[in-house]
Amino acid sequence: MSEALEALEGGLREYPQFYRLKAMKGLCLFEARRYEEAEQVLQEALAGEEELSRRQDDEAVTDTSRRLLAHVHARLGEIAYMQGQDEKALMEYMAALQENRLLPELLGGFQSLLQKQGIAPADQIELLGGIYSGREDVRFLAESLTPRAGQVWLYYRKKAALPVDGAAAFLLGGHIPAGALEAARQLKACRQVKEWAAG
């Protein structure tokens, strides 16, 4: 990591206005868990990008730039989330989604923040539906969200016709007794297989 940071520092000394280098430096600092420094550098990178986009048209912002900006906003969202600045985190996550909605690692933090805010699963689904609408998008959500997303995860798994563990489906759907019975049934089947294999 230190070699990468040194190389980026050298590049920034030669090309201080090149915001992509600054963005990469901020991302490296984030990965090194140097969050305060990362936040400052990432903010500087965004300011440089905004200045560049004012001087050029939107066509000049390449797909690579958009993907990089999505990561910058996502990391700023994570930093804000860690600092307990939920509103700022939400704004950064939404900005990241506008740049690149197909960023799987973004969804975990975004969805956790929605849950922390107390947003009901139906409202979360409606919000995600405004961002993701096509068949491929539904599959992306079904594969990218984790079971921690609860009913939202279950909704997208079912909508994409992807398998869902029976016990998890019952539990996430709020059917605790049925979920417990299904888990007990699965445990009993596992014990039977183990006994059969041993005997």
C-alpha atoms as a PDB file:
ATOM      1  CA  MET A   1       0.000   0.000   0.000  1.00  0.00           C
ATOM      2  CA  SER A   2       2.815   2.411   0.836  1.00  0.00           C
ATOM      3  CA  GLU A   3       4.364   1.873  -2.609  1.00  0.00           C
ATOM      4  CA  ALA A   4       1.064   2.716  -4.285  1.00  0.00           C
ATOM      5  CA  LEU A   5       0.674   5.828  -2.155  1.00  0.00           C
ATOM      6  CA  GLU A   6       4.242   6.916  -2.962  1.00  0.00           C
ATOM      7  CA  ALA A   7       3.617   6.447  -6.684  1.00  0.00           C
ATOM      8  CA  LEU A   8       0.387   8.440  -6.489  1.00  0.00           C
ATOM      9  CA  GLU A   9       2.127  11.200  -4.508  1.00  0.00           C
ATOM     10  CA  GLY A  10       4.774  11.395  -7.248  1.00  0.00           C
ATOM     11  CA  GLY A  11       2.113  11.612  -9.922  1.00  0.00           C
ATOM     12  CA  LEU A  12       0.269  14.336  -8.020  1.00  0.00           C
ATOM     13  CA  ARG A  13       3.461  16.389  -7.656  1.00  0.00           C
ATOM     14  CA  GLU A  14       3.843  16.271 -11.429  1.00  0.00           C
ATOM     15  CA  TYR A  15       0.114  16.614 -12.264  1.00  0.00           C
ATOM     16  CA  PRO A  16      -1.604  18.231  -9.254  1.00  0.00           C
ATOM     17  CA  GLN A  17      -4.776  18.996 -11.217  1.00  0.00           C
ATOM     18  CA  PHE A  18      -5.347  15.363 -12.247  1.00  0.00           C
ATOM     19  CA  TYR A  19      -8.290  14.506 -10.019  1.00  0.00           C
ATOM     20  CA  ARG A  20      -8.234  10.790 -10.862  1.00  0.00           C
ATOM     21  CA  LEU A  21      -4.845  10.423  -9.186  1.00  0.00           C
ATOM     22  CA  LYS A  22      -6.207  12.237  -6.147  1.00  0.00           C
ATOM     23  CA  ALA A  23      -9.255   9.963  -6.127  1.00  0.00           C
ATOM     24  CA  MET A  24      -7.048   6.873  -6.313  1.00  0.00           C
ATOM     25  CA  LYS A  25      -4.907   8.205  -3.474  1.00  0.00           C
ATOM     26  CA  GLY A  26      -8.022   8.743  -1.357  1.00  0.00           C
ATOM     27  CA  LEU A  27      -9.232   5.211  -2.093  1.00  0.00           C
ATOM     28  CA  CYS A  28      -5.817   3.815  -1.108  1.00  0.00           C
ATOM     29  CA  LEU A  29      -5.910   5.806   2.132  1.00  0.00           C
ATOM     30  CA  PHE A  30      -9.375   4.408   2.827  1.00  0.00           C
ATOM     31  CA  GLU A  31      -8.129   0.854   2.279  1.00  0.00           C
ATOM     32  CA  ALA A  32      -5.247   1.616   4.656  1.00  0.00           C
ATOM     33  CA  ARG A  33      -7.899   2.663   7.219  1.00  0.00           C
ATOM     34  CA  ARG A  34      -6.583   6.204   7.314  1.00  0.00           C
ATOM     35  CA  TYR A  35     -10.124   7.529   7.169  1.00  0.00           C
ATOM     36  CA  GLU A  36      -9.558  11.192   8.098  1.00  0.00           C
ATOM     37  CA  GLU A  37      -6.900  11.616   5.428  1.00  0.00           C
ATOM     38  CA  ALA A  38      -8.987   9.636   2.958  1.00  0.00           C
ATOM     39  CA  GLU A  39     -12.007  11.852   3.527  1.00  0.00           C
ATOM     40  CA  GLN A  40     -10.018  15.032   2.890  1.00  0.00           C
ATOM     41  CA  VAL A  41      -8.343  13.702  -0.271  1.00  0.00           C
ATOM     42  CA  LEU A  42     -11.585  12.256  -1.641  1.00  0.00           C
ATOM     43  CA  GLN A  43     -13.357  15.581  -1.083  1.00  0.00           C
ATOM     44  CA  GLU A  44     -10.525  17.342  -2.938  1.00  0.00           C
ATOM     45  CA  ALA A  45     -10.883  14.844  -5.781  1.00  0.00           C
ATOM     46  CA  LEU A  46     -14.619  15.558  -6.022  1.00  0.00           C
ATOM     47  CA  ALA A  47     -13.989  19.294  -6.051  1.00  0.00           C
ATOM     48  CA  GLY A  48     -11.479  18.815  -8.882  1.00  0.00           C
ATOM     49  CA  GLU A  49     -13.926  16.675 -10.831  1.00  0.00           C
ATOM     50  CA  GLU A  50     -16.673  19.283 -10.422  1.00  0.00           C
ATOM     51  CA  GLU A  51     -14.344  21.992 -11.705  1.00  0.00           C
ATOM     52  CA  LEU A  52     -13.394  19.811 -14.683  1.00  0.00           C
ATOM     53  CA  SER A  53     -17.018  19.036 -15.537  1.00  0.00           C
ATOM     54  CA  ARG A  54     -17.868  22.767 -15.461  1.00  0.00           C
ATOM     55  CA  ARG A  55     -15.190  23.400 -18.075  1.00  0.00           C
ATOM     56  CA  GLN A  56     -16.151  20.421 -20.244  1.00  0.00           C
ATOM     57  CA  ASP A  57     -19.418  18.916 -21.356  1.00  0.00           C
ATOM     58  CA  ASP A  58     -20.912  15.766 -19.832  1.00  0.00           C
ATOM     59  CA  GLU A  59     -19.739  13.730 -22.819  1.00  0.00           C
ATOM     60  CA  ALA A  60     -16.161  14.275 -21.636  1.00  0.00           C
ATOM     61  CA  VAL A  61     -16.869  12.346 -18.428  1.00  0.00           C
ATOM     62  CA  THR A  62     -15.935   8.829 -19.428  1.00  0.00           C
ATOM     63  CA  ASP A  63     -17.374   5.585 -18.152  1.00  0.00           C
ATOM     64  CA  THR A  64     -14.113   5.015 -16.270  1.00  0.00           C
ATOM     65  CA  SER A  65     -14.507   8.394 -14.565  1.00  0.00           C
ATOM     66  CA  ARG A  66     -18.070   7.553 -13.567  1.00  0.00           C
ATOM     67  CA  ARG A  67     -17.003   4.233 -12.060  1.00  0.00           C
ATOM     68  CA  LEU A  68     -14.209   5.942 -10.155  1.00  0.00           C
ATOM     69  CA  LEU A  69     -16.564   8.665  -8.919  1.00  0.00           C
ATOM     70  CA  ALA A  70     -18.990   5.997  -7.740  1.00  0.00           C
ATOM     71  CA  HIS A  71     -16.230   4.501  -5.588  1.00  0.00           C
ATOM     72  CA  VAL A  72     -15.286   7.942  -4.257  1.00  0.00           C
ATOM     73  CA  HIS A  73     -18.885   8.682  -3.236  1.00  0.00           C
ATOM     74  CA  ALA A  74     -19.292   5.179  -1.800  1.00  0.00           C
ATOM     75  CA  ARG A  75     -16.199   5.522   0.402  1.00  0.00           C
ATOM     76  CA  LEU A  76     -17.275   8.989   1.540  1.00  0.00           C
ATOM     77  CA  GLY A  77     -20.636   7.434   2.394  1.00  0.00           C
ATOM     78  CA  GLU A  78     -18.934   4.721   4.439  1.00  0.00           C
ATOM     79  CA  ILE A  79     -16.830   7.293   6.294  1.00  0.00           C
ATOM     80  CA  ALA A  80     -19.911   9.401   7.051  1.00  0.00           C
ATOM     81  CA  TYR A  81     -21.754   6.254   8.204  1.00  0.00           C
ATOM     82  CA  MET A  82     -18.876   5.377  10.563  1.00  0.00           C
ATOM     83  CA  GLN A  83     -18.974   8.939  11.922  1.00  0.00           C
ATOM     84  CA  GLY A  84     -22.704   8.658  12.582  1.00  0.00           C
ATOM     85  CA  GLN A  85     -23.532  11.261   9.914  1.00  0.00           C
ATOM     86  CA  ASP A  86     -26.416   9.305   8.453  1.00  0.00           C
ATOM     87  CA  GLU A  87     -27.867  12.067   6.286  1.00  0.00           C
ATOM     88  CA  LYS A  88     -24.493  12.783   4.684  1.00  0.00           C
ATOM     89  CA  ALA A  89     -23.914   9.050   4.220  1.00  0.00           C
ATOM     90  CA  LEU A  90     -27.270   8.690   2.475  1.00  0.00           C
ATOM     91  CA  MET A  91     -26.466  11.588   0.126  1.00  0.00           C
ATOM     92  CA  GLU A  92     -23.083  10.055  -0.756  1.00  0.00           C
ATOM     93  CA  TYR A  93     -24.595   6.611  -1.361  1.00  0.00           C
ATOM     94  CA  MET A  94     -27.250   8.132  -3.618  1.00  0.00           C
ATOM     95  CA  ALA A  95     -24.548  10.062  -5.531  1.00  0.00           C
ATOM     96  CA  ALA A  96     -22.593   6.819  -5.944  1.00  0.00           C
ATOM     97  CA  LEU A  97     -25.683   5.049  -7.277  1.00  0.00           C
ATOM     98  CA  GLN A  98     -26.232   7.856  -9.788  1.00  0.00           C
ATOM     99  CA  GLU A  99     -22.704   7.343 -11.106  1.00  0.00           C
ATOM    100  CA  ASN A 100     -22.821   3.539 -11.154  1.00  0.00           C
ATOM    101  CA  ARG A 101     -25.855   1.696  -9.858  1.00  0.00           C
ATOM    102  CA  LEU A 102     -24.213  -1.686 -10.504  1.00  0.00           C
ATOM    103  CA  LEU A 103     -21.652  -1.457  -7.701  1.00  0.00           C
ATOM    104  CA  PRO A 104     -22.306  -4.506  -5.495  1.00  0.00           C
ATOM    105  CA  GLU A 105     -20.197  -3.399  -2.534  1.00  0.00           C
ATOM    106  CA  LEU A 106     -22.230  -0.202  -2.325  1.00  0.00           C
ATOM    107  CA  LEU A 107     -25.496  -1.971  -1.657  1.00  0.00           C
ATOM    108  CA  GLY A 108     -24.532  -3.400   1.740  1.00  0.00           C
ATOM    109  CA  GLY A 109     -23.774  -0.052   3.342  1.00  0.00           C
ATOM    110  CA  PHE A 110     -26.671   1.660   1.624  1.00  0.00           C
ATOM    111  CA  GLN A 111     -29.138  -0.995   2.735  1.00  0.00           C
ATOM    112  CA  SER A 112     -27.754  -1.020   6.311  1.00  0.00           C
ATOM    113  CA  LEU A 113     -28.242   2.737   6.456  1.00  0.00           C
ATOM    114  CA  LEU A 114     -31.836   2.397   5.255  1.00  0.00           C
ATOM    115  CA  GLN A 115     -32.481  -0.172   7.982  1.00  0.00           C
ATOM    116  CA  LYS A 116     -30.785   2.009  10.603  1.00  0.00           C
ATOM    117  CA  GLN A 117     -33.011   4.914   9.554  1.00  0.00           C
ATOM    118  CA  GLY A 118     -36.020   2.695  10.294  1.00  0.00           C
ATOM    119  CA  ILE A 119     -37.240   2.717   6.705  1.00  0.00           C
ATOM    120  CA  ALA A 120     -39.783  -0.069   6.286  1.00  0.00           C
ATOM    121  CA  PRO A 121     -38.936  -2.927   3.896  1.00  0.00           C
ATOM    122  CA  ALA A 122     -41.763  -1.939   1.518  1.00  0.00           C
ATOM    123  CA  ASP A 123     -40.371   1.602   1.337  1.00  0.00           C
ATOM    124  CA  GLN A 124     -36.855   0.265   0.773  1.00  0.00           C
ATOM    125  CA  ILE A 125     -38.156  -1.850  -2.098  1.00  0.00           C
ATOM    126  CA  GLU A 126     -39.937   1.178  -3.552  1.00  0.00           C
ATOM    127  CA  LEU A 127     -36.754   3.266  -3.291  1.00  0.00           C
ATOM    128  CA  LEU A 128     -34.649   0.540  -4.906  1.00  0.00           C
ATOM    129  CA  GLY A 129     -37.340   0.099  -7.573  1.00  0.00           C
ATOM    130  CA  GLY A 130     -36.844   3.726  -8.561  1.00  0.00           C
ATOM    131  CA  ILE A 131     -33.148   3.034  -9.185  1.00  0.00           C
ATOM    132  CA  TYR A 132     -33.298  -0.546 -10.444  1.00  0.00           C
ATOM    133  CA  SER A 133     -36.093  -1.507 -12.794  1.00  0.00           C
ATOM    134  CA  GLY A 134     -35.110  -4.021 -15.461  1.00  0.00           C
ATOM    135  CA  ARG A 135     -35.000  -7.807 -15.229  1.00  0.00           C
ATOM    136  CA  GLU A 136     -31.190  -7.735 -15.076  1.00  0.00           C
ATOM    137  CA  ASP A 137     -31.419  -5.181 -12.271  1.00  0.00           C
ATOM    138  CA  VAL A 138     -33.697  -7.439 -10.226  1.00  0.00           C
ATOM    139  CA  ARG A 139     -31.237 -10.299 -10.609  1.00  0.00           C
ATOM    140  CA  PHE A 140     -28.344  -7.989  -9.685  1.00  0.00           C
ATOM    141  CA  LEU A 141     -30.137  -6.978  -6.475  1.00  0.00           C
ATOM    142  CA  ALA A 142     -31.057 -10.567  -5.676  1.00  0.00           C
ATOM    143  CA  GLU A 143     -27.423 -11.625  -6.009  1.00  0.00           C
ATOM    144  CA  SER A 144     -25.844  -8.541  -4.410  1.00  0.00           C
ATOM    145  CA  LEU A 145     -27.972  -8.021  -1.315  1.00  0.00           C
ATOM    146  CA  THR A 146     -27.250 -10.283   1.638  1.00  0.00           C
ATOM    147  CA  PRO A 147     -29.729 -12.027   3.930  1.00  0.00           C
ATOM    148  CA  ARG A 148     -29.013  -9.235   6.459  1.00  0.00           C
ATOM    149  CA  ALA A 149     -31.276  -7.135   4.224  1.00  0.00           C
ATOM    150  CA  GLY A 150     -34.123  -9.274   5.552  1.00  0.00           C
ATOM    151  CA  GLN A 151     -37.426  -9.002   3.753  1.00  0.00           C
ATOM    152  CA  VAL A 152     -35.901  -6.830   1.028  1.00  0.00           C
ATOM    153  CA  TRP A 153     -33.422  -9.619   0.203  1.00  0.00           C
ATOM    154  CA  LEU A 154     -36.199 -12.189   0.290  1.00  0.00           C
ATOM    155  CA  TYR A 155     -38.387 -10.085  -2.037  1.00  0.00           C
ATOM    156  CA  TYR A 156     -35.673  -9.767  -4.691  1.00  0.00           C
ATOM    157  CA  ARG A 157     -34.615 -13.423  -4.417  1.00  0.00           C
ATOM    158  CA  LYS A 158     -38.198 -14.503  -5.054  1.00  0.00           C
ATOM    159  CA  LYS A 159     -38.739 -11.931  -7.810  1.00  0.00           C
ATOM    160  CA  ALA A 160     -35.605 -13.160  -9.611  1.00  0.00           C
ATOM    161  CA  ALA A 161     -36.693 -16.792  -9.060  1.00  0.00           C
ATOM    162  CA  LEU A 162     -33.464 -17.581  -7.195  1.00  0.00           C
ATOM    163  CA  PRO A 163     -33.348 -20.254  -4.501  1.00  0.00           C
ATOM    164  CA  VAL A 164     -33.999 -19.278  -0.901  1.00  0.00           C
ATOM    165  CA  ASP A 165     -33.337 -21.509   2.084  1.00  0.00           C
ATOM    166  CA  GLY A 166     -36.731 -22.528   3.495  1.00  0.00           C
ATOM    167  CA  ALA A 167     -35.897 -21.687   7.119  1.00  0.00           C
ATOM    168  CA  ALA A 168     -34.472 -18.302   6.152  1.00  0.00           C
ATOM    169  CA  ALA A 169     -37.536 -17.517   4.046  1.00  0.00           C
ATOM    170  CA  PHE A 170     -39.870 -18.251   6.947  1.00  0.00           C
ATOM    171  CA  LEU A 171     -37.781 -16.310   9.462  1.00  0.00           C
ATOM    172  CA  LEU A 172     -37.314 -13.281   7.210  1.00  0.00           C
ATOM    173  CA  GLY A 173     -40.993 -13.337   6.341  1.00  0.00           C
ATOM    174  CA  GLY A 174     -41.790 -13.029  10.037  1.00  0.00           C
ATOM    175  CA  HIS A 175     -43.009 -16.613  10.450  1.00  0.00           C
ATOM    176  CA  ILE A 176     -40.763 -17.515  13.396  1.00  0.00           C
ATOM    177  CA  PRO A 177     -42.419 -20.812  14.431  1.00  0.00           C
ATOM    178  CA  ALA A 178     -42.470 -22.100  10.841  1.00  0.00           C
ATOM    179  CA  GLY A 179     -38.848 -21.018  10.391  1.00  0.00           C
ATOM    180  CA  ALA A 180     -37.805 -22.799  13.563  1.00  0.00           C
ATOM    181  CA  LEU A 181     -39.621 -25.987  12.481  1.00  0.00           C
ATOM    182  CA  GLU A 182     -37.969 -25.843   9.037  1.00  0.00           C
ATOM    183  CA  ALA A 183     -34.530 -25.327  10.606  1.00  0.00           C
ATOM    184  CA  ALA A 184     -35.167 -28.286  12.952  1.00  0.00           C
ATOM    185  CA  ARG A 185     -36.216 -30.424   9.970  1.00  0.00           C
ATOM    186  CA  GLN A 186     -33.017 -29.493   8.117  1.00  0.00           C
ATOM    187  CA  LEU A 187     -30.902 -30.242  11.201  1.00  0.00           C
ATOM    188  CA  LYS A 188     -32.559 -33.639  11.589  1.00  0.00           C
ATOM    189  CA  ALA A 189     -31.840 -34.436   7.928  1.00  0.00           C
ATOM    190  CA  CYS A 190     -28.182 -33.446   8.416  1.00  0.00           C
ATOM    191  CA  ARG A 191     -27.919 -35.745  11.475  1.00  0.00           C
ATOM    192  CA  GLN A 192     -29.432 -38.622   9.512  1.00  0.00           C
ATOM    193  CA  VAL A 193     -26.917 -38.154   6.711  1.00  0.00           C
ATOM    194  CA  LYS A 194     -24.078 -38.008   9.223  1.00  0.00           C
ATOM    195  CA  GLU A 195     -25.277 -41.219  10.939  1.00  0.00           C
ATOM    196  CA  TRP A 196     -25.696 -42.936   7.574  1.00  0.00           C
ATOM    197  CA  ALA A 197     -22.158 -41.895   6.518  1.00  0.00           C
ATOM    198  CA  ALA A 198     -20.685 -43.086   9.848  1.00  0.00           C
ATOM    199  CA  GLY A 199     -22.563 -46.369   9.893  1.00  0.00           C
END
